[in-house]
């Protein structure tokens, strides 16, 4: 099975960023807390003056409160989307064979060298690289579907182009 290089690279980049996603989620949650704490809305104490009318709502305060609510909703939406991406990625990795899944996690999530992976799995470095490539191809199909596949016509074009440049 042959996969277009741009899709393989996209999967590799996604896997390389995998360990950052939980940190990103934490950062988003902290942003929500920060908005709630530093909402920029101050109340006025009217108890000391009985002549003050309070029926007029300060438009600035109202607008700030609405903006904060909108910001919190946007962040909650981003948290939901990021969680979905993380779950899809976990599910896709878990759908691989045990060896492919382990090698993928060791290489792209744990950032181990091929030598270290070879020592852990007891497979040669080259065999680990082949298994990793197979896993990346499978993940590309899971995430990008048929458009990730190189079709026969594409292969013929690539071959013809290589002959022209030779």
N, C-alpha and C. Protein backbone atom coordinates (compact mmCIF):
# COMPACT_ATOMS: atom_id res chain seq x y z
N UNK A 1 0.85 -1.17 0.00
CA UNK A 1 0.00 0.00 0.00
C UNK A 1 0.90 1.23 0.00
N UNK A 2 0.62 2.13 -0.92
CA UNK A 2 1.42 3.36 -1.01
C UNK A 2 0.56 4.55 -0.63
N UNK A 3 1.16 5.40 0.16
CA UNK A 3 0.46 6.57 0.70
C UNK A 3 1.19 7.82 0.23
N UNK A 4 0.41 8.85 -0.09
CA UNK A 4 1.01 10.12 -0.51
C UNK A 4 1.83 10.69 0.63
N UNK A 5 2.98 11.23 0.28
CA UNK A 5 3.93 11.71 1.28
C UNK A 5 3.35 12.80 2.19
N UNK A 6 2.55 13.69 1.63
CA UNK A 6 2.00 14.78 2.45
C UNK A 6 1.12 14.25 3.58
N UNK A 7 0.42 13.15 3.33
CA UNK A 7 -0.44 12.57 4.36
C UNK A 7 0.38 11.82 5.40
N UNK A 8 1.44 11.17 4.96
CA UNK A 8 2.33 10.50 5.93
C UNK A 8 2.97 11.55 6.83
N UNK A 9 3.42 12.65 6.23
CA UNK A 9 4.04 13.71 7.01
C UNK A 9 3.06 14.34 7.99
N UNK A 10 1.81 14.49 7.57
CA UNK A 10 0.79 15.06 8.46
C UNK A 10 0.56 14.16 9.67
N UNK A 11 0.53 12.85 9.44
CA UNK A 11 0.35 11.90 10.55
C UNK A 11 1.55 11.97 11.49
N UNK A 12 2.75 12.01 10.93
CA UNK A 12 3.96 12.07 11.76
C UNK A 12 3.96 13.34 12.60
N UNK A 13 3.60 14.47 12.00
CA UNK A 13 3.55 15.73 12.75
C UNK A 13 2.51 15.67 13.87
N UNK A 14 1.37 15.07 13.57
CA UNK A 14 0.33 14.92 14.59
C UNK A 14 0.83 14.06 15.74
N UNK A 15 1.48 12.95 15.41
CA UNK A 15 2.01 12.07 16.45
C UNK A 15 3.10 12.77 17.27
N UNK A 16 3.93 13.55 16.60
CA UNK A 16 4.99 14.28 17.31
C UNK A 16 4.41 15.29 18.30
N UNK A 17 3.22 15.80 18.02
CA UNK A 17 2.57 16.78 18.91
C UNK A 17 1.65 16.13 19.93
N UNK A 18 1.50 14.82 19.86
CA UNK A 18 0.56 14.09 20.71
C UNK A 18 0.73 14.43 22.19
N UNK A 19 1.96 14.41 22.66
CA UNK A 19 2.20 14.63 24.09
C UNK A 19 1.92 16.07 24.51
N UNK A 20 1.79 16.97 23.55
CA UNK A 20 1.48 18.37 23.88
C UNK A 20 -0.02 18.60 24.05
N UNK A 21 -0.84 17.72 23.49
CA UNK A 21 -2.29 17.93 23.56
C UNK A 21 -2.83 17.96 24.99
N UNK A 22 -2.44 17.05 25.88
CA UNK A 22 -2.92 17.16 27.27
C UNK A 22 -2.48 18.46 27.95
N UNK A 23 -1.28 18.92 27.62
CA UNK A 23 -0.81 20.20 28.17
C UNK A 23 -1.65 21.36 27.64
N UNK A 24 -1.99 21.28 26.36
CA UNK A 24 -2.83 22.30 25.74
C UNK A 24 -4.21 22.32 26.41
N UNK A 25 -4.75 21.14 26.69
CA UNK A 25 -6.05 21.06 27.37
C UNK A 25 -5.98 21.71 28.75
N UNK A 26 -4.91 21.44 29.48
CA UNK A 26 -4.74 22.07 30.80
C UNK A 26 -4.66 23.58 30.68
N UNK A 27 -3.94 24.06 29.67
CA UNK A 27 -3.81 25.51 29.46
C UNK A 27 -5.17 26.14 29.17
N UNK A 28 -5.98 25.46 28.37
CA UNK A 28 -7.32 25.98 28.08
C UNK A 28 -8.18 26.06 29.33
N UNK A 29 -8.08 25.04 30.18
CA UNK A 29 -8.84 25.04 31.44
C UNK A 29 -8.39 26.18 32.35
N UNK A 30 -7.08 26.43 32.37
CA UNK A 30 -6.56 27.54 33.17
C UNK A 30 -7.04 28.89 32.64
N UNK A 31 -7.18 29.01 31.31
CA UNK A 31 -7.69 30.24 30.72
C UNK A 31 -9.11 30.51 31.19
N UNK A 32 -9.91 29.46 31.25
CA UNK A 32 -11.28 29.64 31.74
C UNK A 32 -11.27 30.12 33.19
N UNK A 33 -10.44 29.50 34.01
CA UNK A 33 -10.33 29.93 35.42
C UNK A 33 -9.88 31.38 35.51
N UNK A 34 -8.93 31.76 34.67
CA UNK A 34 -8.42 33.13 34.68
C UNK A 34 -9.51 34.13 34.29
N UNK A 35 -10.30 33.79 33.29
CA UNK A 35 -11.40 34.67 32.89
C UNK A 35 -12.40 34.83 34.03
N UNK A 36 -12.69 33.73 34.71
CA UNK A 36 -13.65 33.78 35.82
C UNK A 36 -13.13 34.63 36.98
N UNK A 37 -11.82 34.51 37.25
CA UNK A 37 -11.23 35.25 38.37
C UNK A 37 -11.06 36.73 38.01
N UNK A 38 -10.51 36.98 36.84
CA UNK A 38 -10.24 38.36 36.39
C UNK A 38 -11.28 38.78 35.38
N UNK A 39 -12.52 38.81 35.79
CA UNK A 39 -13.58 39.08 34.82
C UNK A 39 -13.69 40.56 34.44
N UNK A 40 -13.01 41.45 35.15
CA UNK A 40 -13.03 42.87 34.81
C UNK A 40 -14.32 43.57 35.20
N UNK A 41 -15.16 42.87 35.92
CA UNK A 41 -16.44 43.46 36.32
C UNK A 41 -16.37 43.81 37.80
N UNK A 42 -16.64 45.07 38.09
CA UNK A 42 -16.61 45.53 39.48
C UNK A 42 -18.01 46.00 39.87
N UNK A 43 -18.39 45.66 41.04
CA UNK A 43 -19.69 46.10 41.55
C UNK A 43 -19.54 47.43 42.27
N UNK A 44 -20.63 48.14 42.35
CA UNK A 44 -20.64 49.43 43.06
C UNK A 44 -21.51 49.25 44.30
N UNK A 45 -21.00 49.72 45.43
CA UNK A 45 -21.74 49.62 46.68
C UNK A 45 -22.65 50.84 46.82
N UNK A 46 -23.95 50.60 46.73
CA UNK A 46 -24.93 51.69 46.82
C UNK A 46 -25.50 51.84 48.22
N UNK A 47 -25.07 51.02 49.16
CA UNK A 47 -25.66 51.04 50.49
C UNK A 47 -25.40 52.35 51.24
N UNK A 48 -24.32 53.03 50.93
CA UNK A 48 -24.00 54.26 51.66
C UNK A 48 -24.77 55.47 51.14
N UNK A 49 -25.34 55.40 49.93
CA UNK A 49 -26.05 56.53 49.36
C UNK A 49 -27.43 56.07 48.92
N UNK A 50 -28.47 56.57 49.57
CA UNK A 50 -29.83 56.13 49.26
C UNK A 50 -30.44 56.90 48.09
N UNK A 51 -29.79 57.95 47.60
CA UNK A 51 -30.32 58.76 46.51
C UNK A 51 -29.93 58.25 45.12
N UNK A 52 -29.18 57.19 45.03
CA UNK A 52 -28.67 56.72 43.74
C UNK A 52 -29.70 55.79 43.10
N UNK A 53 -30.01 56.07 41.83
CA UNK A 53 -30.90 55.20 41.08
C UNK A 53 -30.07 54.06 40.47
N UNK A 54 -30.55 52.84 40.58
CA UNK A 54 -29.78 51.70 40.08
C UNK A 54 -30.46 51.00 38.92
N UNK A 55 -31.44 51.60 38.30
CA UNK A 55 -32.15 50.91 37.23
C UNK A 55 -31.38 50.90 35.91
N UNK A 56 -30.42 51.79 35.74
CA UNK A 56 -29.63 51.82 34.50
C UNK A 56 -28.46 50.84 34.60
N UNK A 57 -28.38 49.95 33.62
CA UNK A 57 -27.27 48.99 33.58
C UNK A 57 -26.12 49.63 32.80
N UNK A 58 -24.95 49.57 33.38
CA UNK A 58 -23.77 50.10 32.70
C UNK A 58 -23.47 49.21 31.50
N UNK A 59 -23.54 49.76 30.32
CA UNK A 59 -23.33 48.99 29.09
C UNK A 59 -21.93 48.38 29.06
N UNK A 60 -20.93 49.06 29.59
CA UNK A 60 -19.56 48.54 29.60
C UNK A 60 -19.48 47.26 30.43
N UNK A 61 -20.10 47.25 31.59
CA UNK A 61 -20.11 46.08 32.45
C UNK A 61 -20.85 44.93 31.76
N UNK A 62 -21.99 45.24 31.16
CA UNK A 62 -22.78 44.22 30.46
C UNK A 62 -21.98 43.63 29.29
N UNK A 63 -21.35 44.49 28.52
CA UNK A 63 -20.55 44.02 27.38
C UNK A 63 -19.36 43.17 27.82
N UNK A 64 -18.74 43.55 28.91
CA UNK A 64 -17.61 42.76 29.43
C UNK A 64 -18.08 41.39 29.87
N UNK A 65 -19.20 41.35 30.55
CA UNK A 65 -19.74 40.06 31.02
C UNK A 65 -20.10 39.17 29.83
N UNK A 66 -20.73 39.75 28.82
CA UNK A 66 -21.09 38.96 27.63
C UNK A 66 -19.85 38.46 26.88
N UNK A 67 -18.85 39.33 26.76
CA UNK A 67 -17.61 38.92 26.08
C UNK A 67 -16.93 37.78 26.84
N UNK A 68 -16.92 37.86 28.16
CA UNK A 68 -16.32 36.79 28.97
C UNK A 68 -17.06 35.48 28.77
N UNK A 69 -18.39 35.55 28.73
CA UNK A 69 -19.18 34.33 28.50
C UNK A 69 -18.90 33.75 27.12
N UNK A 70 -18.78 34.61 26.11
CA UNK A 70 -18.46 34.15 24.76
C UNK A 70 -17.07 33.51 24.72
N UNK A 71 -16.10 34.15 25.38
CA UNK A 71 -14.74 33.61 25.41
C UNK A 71 -14.70 32.24 26.08
N UNK A 72 -15.43 32.11 27.17
CA UNK A 72 -15.48 30.83 27.89
C UNK A 72 -16.12 29.75 27.00
N UNK A 73 -17.18 30.10 26.29
CA UNK A 73 -17.83 29.13 25.39
C UNK A 73 -16.89 28.71 24.26
N UNK A 74 -16.14 29.65 23.71
CA UNK A 74 -15.17 29.32 22.65
C UNK A 74 -14.10 28.37 23.18
N UNK A 75 -13.61 28.64 24.37
CA UNK A 75 -12.58 27.79 24.97
C UNK A 75 -13.14 26.41 25.27
N UNK A 76 -14.37 26.34 25.78
CA UNK A 76 -15.00 25.04 26.04
C UNK A 76 -15.15 24.25 24.75
N UNK A 77 -15.48 24.93 23.68
CA UNK A 77 -15.61 24.28 22.37
C UNK A 77 -14.25 23.75 21.91
N UNK A 78 -13.21 24.53 22.12
CA UNK A 78 -11.84 24.10 21.75
C UNK A 78 -11.41 22.89 22.59
N UNK A 79 -11.78 22.88 23.86
CA UNK A 79 -11.49 21.74 24.72
C UNK A 79 -12.18 20.49 24.19
N UNK A 80 -13.43 20.63 23.83
CA UNK A 80 -14.19 19.49 23.29
C UNK A 80 -13.56 18.96 22.01
N UNK A 81 -13.23 19.85 21.09
CA UNK A 81 -12.61 19.45 19.82
C UNK A 81 -11.26 18.78 20.06
N UNK A 82 -10.45 19.32 20.95
CA UNK A 82 -9.14 18.74 21.24
C UNK A 82 -9.29 17.37 21.88
N UNK A 83 -10.25 17.22 22.79
CA UNK A 83 -10.51 15.90 23.39
C UNK A 83 -10.93 14.88 22.34
N UNK A 84 -11.75 15.31 21.41
CA UNK A 84 -12.19 14.41 20.33
C UNK A 84 -10.99 13.98 19.49
N UNK A 85 -10.11 14.94 19.15
CA UNK A 85 -8.91 14.62 18.37
C UNK A 85 -8.02 13.64 19.12
N UNK A 86 -7.85 13.88 20.40
CA UNK A 86 -7.01 13.01 21.23
C UNK A 86 -7.60 11.60 21.29
N UNK A 87 -8.91 11.51 21.47
CA UNK A 87 -9.58 10.20 21.52
C UNK A 87 -9.50 9.48 20.18
N UNK A 88 -9.67 10.22 19.07
CA UNK A 88 -9.56 9.61 17.75
C UNK A 88 -8.15 9.07 17.52
N UNK A 89 -7.16 9.84 17.93
CA UNK A 89 -5.78 9.42 17.75
C UNK A 89 -5.47 8.18 18.60
N UNK A 90 -5.92 8.19 19.85
CA UNK A 90 -5.74 7.02 20.72
C UNK A 90 -6.41 5.79 20.12
N UNK A 91 -7.63 5.98 19.66
CA UNK A 91 -8.38 4.88 19.07
C UNK A 91 -7.68 4.33 17.83
N UNK A 92 -7.18 5.22 16.99
CA UNK A 92 -6.50 4.80 15.77
C UNK A 92 -5.21 4.04 16.10
N UNK A 93 -4.45 4.54 17.07
CA UNK A 93 -3.20 3.87 17.46
C UNK A 93 -3.53 2.49 18.05
N UNK A 94 -4.58 2.43 18.86
CA UNK A 94 -4.96 1.15 19.46
C UNK A 94 -5.50 0.15 18.45
N UNK A 95 -5.92 0.63 17.28
CA UNK A 95 -6.43 -0.27 16.25
C UNK A 95 -5.31 -0.96 15.46
N UNK A 96 -4.09 -0.47 15.64
CA UNK A 96 -2.93 -1.09 14.98
C UNK A 96 -2.60 -2.41 15.65
N UNK A 97 -1.75 -3.19 15.01
CA UNK A 97 -1.28 -4.40 15.68
C UNK A 97 -0.50 -4.00 16.93
N UNK A 98 -0.35 -4.93 17.84
CA UNK A 98 0.34 -4.61 19.10
C UNK A 98 1.74 -4.05 18.85
N UNK A 99 2.48 -4.69 17.95
CA UNK A 99 3.84 -4.25 17.65
C UNK A 99 3.84 -2.87 16.99
N UNK A 100 2.96 -2.66 16.03
CA UNK A 100 2.88 -1.36 15.36
C UNK A 100 2.52 -0.26 16.36
N UNK A 101 1.58 -0.56 17.23
CA UNK A 101 1.16 0.40 18.24
C UNK A 101 2.30 0.75 19.18
N UNK A 102 3.02 -0.28 19.64
CA UNK A 102 4.15 -0.04 20.55
C UNK A 102 5.22 0.80 19.87
N UNK A 103 5.59 0.42 18.66
CA UNK A 103 6.65 1.14 17.95
C UNK A 103 6.23 2.59 17.71
N UNK A 104 4.96 2.80 17.33
CA UNK A 104 4.46 4.16 17.10
C UNK A 104 4.55 4.99 18.37
N UNK A 105 4.12 4.41 19.47
CA UNK A 105 4.18 5.14 20.75
C UNK A 105 5.63 5.42 21.16
N UNK A 106 6.49 4.40 21.06
CA UNK A 106 7.90 4.59 21.44
C UNK A 106 8.55 5.69 20.59
N UNK A 107 8.31 5.66 19.30
CA UNK A 107 9.01 6.56 18.39
C UNK A 107 8.47 7.99 18.45
N UNK A 108 7.16 8.14 18.34
CA UNK A 108 6.60 9.48 18.16
C UNK A 108 6.06 10.11 19.44
N UNK A 109 5.69 9.31 20.41
CA UNK A 109 5.14 9.87 21.64
C UNK A 109 6.21 9.91 22.73
N UNK A 110 6.94 8.79 22.89
CA UNK A 110 8.00 8.74 23.89
C UNK A 110 9.32 9.29 23.37
N UNK A 111 9.42 9.51 22.05
CA UNK A 111 10.60 10.10 21.40
C UNK A 111 11.86 9.25 21.56
N UNK A 112 11.72 7.93 21.50
CA UNK A 112 12.87 7.04 21.61
C UNK A 112 13.57 6.91 20.25
N UNK A 113 14.85 6.62 20.31
CA UNK A 113 15.62 6.40 19.07
C UNK A 113 15.30 5.02 18.52
N UNK A 114 15.66 4.80 17.26
CA UNK A 114 15.42 3.48 16.66
C UNK A 114 16.20 2.40 17.40
N UNK A 115 17.38 2.74 17.86
CA UNK A 115 18.18 1.79 18.62
C UNK A 115 17.51 1.37 19.92
N UNK A 116 16.96 2.35 20.62
CA UNK A 116 16.24 2.05 21.87
C UNK A 116 15.00 1.20 21.61
N UNK A 117 14.28 1.54 20.54
CA UNK A 117 13.08 0.77 20.19
C UNK A 117 13.46 -0.66 19.83
N UNK A 118 14.55 -0.80 19.10
CA UNK A 118 15.03 -2.13 18.71
C UNK A 118 15.37 -2.96 19.94
N UNK A 119 16.02 -2.34 20.91
CA UNK A 119 16.37 -3.05 22.16
C UNK A 119 15.14 -3.49 22.94
N UNK A 120 14.12 -2.65 22.96
CA UNK A 120 12.90 -2.97 23.71
C UNK A 120 12.10 -4.06 23.02
N UNK A 121 11.93 -3.93 21.70
CA UNK A 121 11.06 -4.85 20.97
C UNK A 121 11.76 -6.13 20.54
N UNK A 122 13.09 -6.12 20.58
CA UNK A 122 13.90 -7.25 20.13
C UNK A 122 13.77 -7.51 18.62
N UNK A 123 13.41 -6.49 17.87
CA UNK A 123 13.41 -6.53 16.41
C UNK A 123 14.56 -5.66 15.93
N UNK A 124 15.04 -5.92 14.72
CA UNK A 124 16.12 -5.10 14.17
C UNK A 124 15.63 -3.67 13.96
N UNK A 125 16.57 -2.75 13.89
CA UNK A 125 16.22 -1.35 13.65
C UNK A 125 15.44 -1.23 12.35
N UNK A 126 15.92 -1.89 11.31
CA UNK A 126 15.27 -1.82 9.99
C UNK A 126 13.84 -2.39 10.06
N UNK A 127 13.67 -3.48 10.77
CA UNK A 127 12.34 -4.07 10.89
C UNK A 127 11.41 -3.12 11.66
N UNK A 128 11.92 -2.46 12.68
CA UNK A 128 11.12 -1.48 13.42
C UNK A 128 10.71 -0.32 12.50
N UNK A 129 11.63 0.11 11.66
CA UNK A 129 11.33 1.19 10.73
C UNK A 129 10.26 0.77 9.73
N UNK A 130 10.34 -0.46 9.24
CA UNK A 130 9.31 -0.97 8.32
C UNK A 130 7.95 -1.01 9.01
N UNK A 131 7.93 -1.53 10.24
CA UNK A 131 6.68 -1.61 11.00
C UNK A 131 6.11 -0.21 11.27
N UNK A 132 6.98 0.72 11.56
CA UNK A 132 6.55 2.10 11.79
C UNK A 132 5.94 2.69 10.52
N UNK A 133 6.59 2.44 9.39
CA UNK A 133 6.07 2.94 8.12
C UNK A 133 4.69 2.34 7.83
N UNK A 134 4.54 1.04 8.07
CA UNK A 134 3.23 0.40 7.89
C UNK A 134 2.18 1.05 8.78
N UNK A 135 2.55 1.32 10.02
CA UNK A 135 1.62 1.93 10.97
C UNK A 135 1.23 3.33 10.51
N UNK A 136 2.20 4.11 10.04
CA UNK A 136 1.92 5.47 9.56
C UNK A 136 0.97 5.41 8.37
N UNK A 137 1.18 4.47 7.48
CA UNK A 137 0.30 4.30 6.32
C UNK A 137 -1.13 3.97 6.76
N UNK A 138 -1.25 3.08 7.71
CA UNK A 138 -2.58 2.71 8.21
C UNK A 138 -3.26 3.90 8.88
N UNK A 139 -2.51 4.66 9.66
CA UNK A 139 -3.07 5.83 10.33
C UNK A 139 -3.50 6.89 9.31
N UNK A 140 -2.72 7.03 8.25
CA UNK A 140 -3.07 7.99 7.19
C UNK A 140 -4.39 7.61 6.55
N UNK A 141 -4.61 6.32 6.34
CA UNK A 141 -5.88 5.88 5.76
C UNK A 141 -7.02 6.10 6.75
N UNK A 142 -6.78 5.84 8.03
CA UNK A 142 -7.82 6.06 9.04
C UNK A 142 -8.25 7.53 9.06
N UNK A 143 -7.28 8.44 9.02
CA UNK A 143 -7.59 9.85 9.14
C UNK A 143 -7.97 10.53 7.83
N UNK A 144 -7.39 10.09 6.72
CA UNK A 144 -7.61 10.79 5.45
C UNK A 144 -8.34 9.96 4.41
N UNK A 145 -8.56 8.71 4.70
CA UNK A 145 -9.32 7.87 3.79
C UNK A 145 -8.62 7.63 2.46
N UNK A 146 -9.43 7.46 1.45
CA UNK A 146 -8.94 7.09 0.13
C UNK A 146 -8.04 8.14 -0.50
N UNK A 147 -8.24 9.41 -0.15
CA UNK A 147 -7.43 10.47 -0.77
C UNK A 147 -5.95 10.35 -0.41
N UNK A 148 -5.64 9.60 0.66
CA UNK A 148 -4.24 9.42 1.06
C UNK A 148 -3.53 8.37 0.19
N UNK A 149 -4.30 7.52 -0.46
CA UNK A 149 -3.71 6.45 -1.26
C UNK A 149 -3.17 6.96 -2.59
N UNK A 150 -2.05 6.41 -3.00
CA UNK A 150 -1.53 6.68 -4.34
C UNK A 150 -2.19 5.66 -5.26
N UNK A 151 -2.87 6.15 -6.24
CA UNK A 151 -3.55 5.27 -7.17
C UNK A 151 -2.61 4.91 -8.32
N UNK A 152 -2.96 3.91 -9.09
CA UNK A 152 -2.13 3.45 -10.21
C UNK A 152 -1.81 4.61 -11.15
N UNK A 153 -2.80 5.44 -11.47
CA UNK A 153 -2.56 6.57 -12.38
C UNK A 153 -1.53 7.53 -11.80
N UNK A 154 -1.59 7.75 -10.50
CA UNK A 154 -0.61 8.62 -9.85
C UNK A 154 0.79 8.01 -9.95
N UNK A 155 0.89 6.69 -9.78
CA UNK A 155 2.19 6.02 -9.88
C UNK A 155 2.76 6.14 -11.28
N UNK A 156 1.90 5.97 -12.29
CA UNK A 156 2.35 6.09 -13.68
C UNK A 156 2.85 7.51 -13.94
N UNK A 157 2.13 8.51 -13.46
CA UNK A 157 2.56 9.91 -13.61
C UNK A 157 3.91 10.14 -12.95
N UNK A 158 4.06 9.63 -11.71
CA UNK A 158 5.32 9.82 -10.98
C UNK A 158 6.47 9.15 -11.74
N UNK A 159 6.22 7.97 -12.28
CA UNK A 159 7.24 7.25 -13.04
C UNK A 159 7.61 8.04 -14.29
N UNK A 160 6.61 8.55 -15.02
CA UNK A 160 6.86 9.33 -16.23
C UNK A 160 7.64 10.59 -15.89
N UNK A 161 7.27 11.26 -14.79
CA UNK A 161 7.99 12.47 -14.37
C UNK A 161 9.43 12.16 -14.03
N UNK A 162 9.67 11.02 -13.39
CA UNK A 162 11.05 10.65 -13.03
C UNK A 162 11.88 10.37 -14.28
N UNK A 163 11.26 9.84 -15.32
CA UNK A 163 11.96 9.59 -16.57
C UNK A 163 12.32 10.91 -17.27
N UNK A 164 11.43 11.89 -17.18
CA UNK A 164 11.69 13.18 -17.80
C UNK A 164 12.84 13.92 -17.12
N UNK A 165 12.92 13.79 -15.81
CA UNK A 165 13.96 14.50 -15.06
C UNK A 165 15.32 13.78 -15.12
N UNK A 166 15.32 12.54 -15.55
CA UNK A 166 16.58 11.77 -15.61
C UNK A 166 17.42 12.15 -16.78
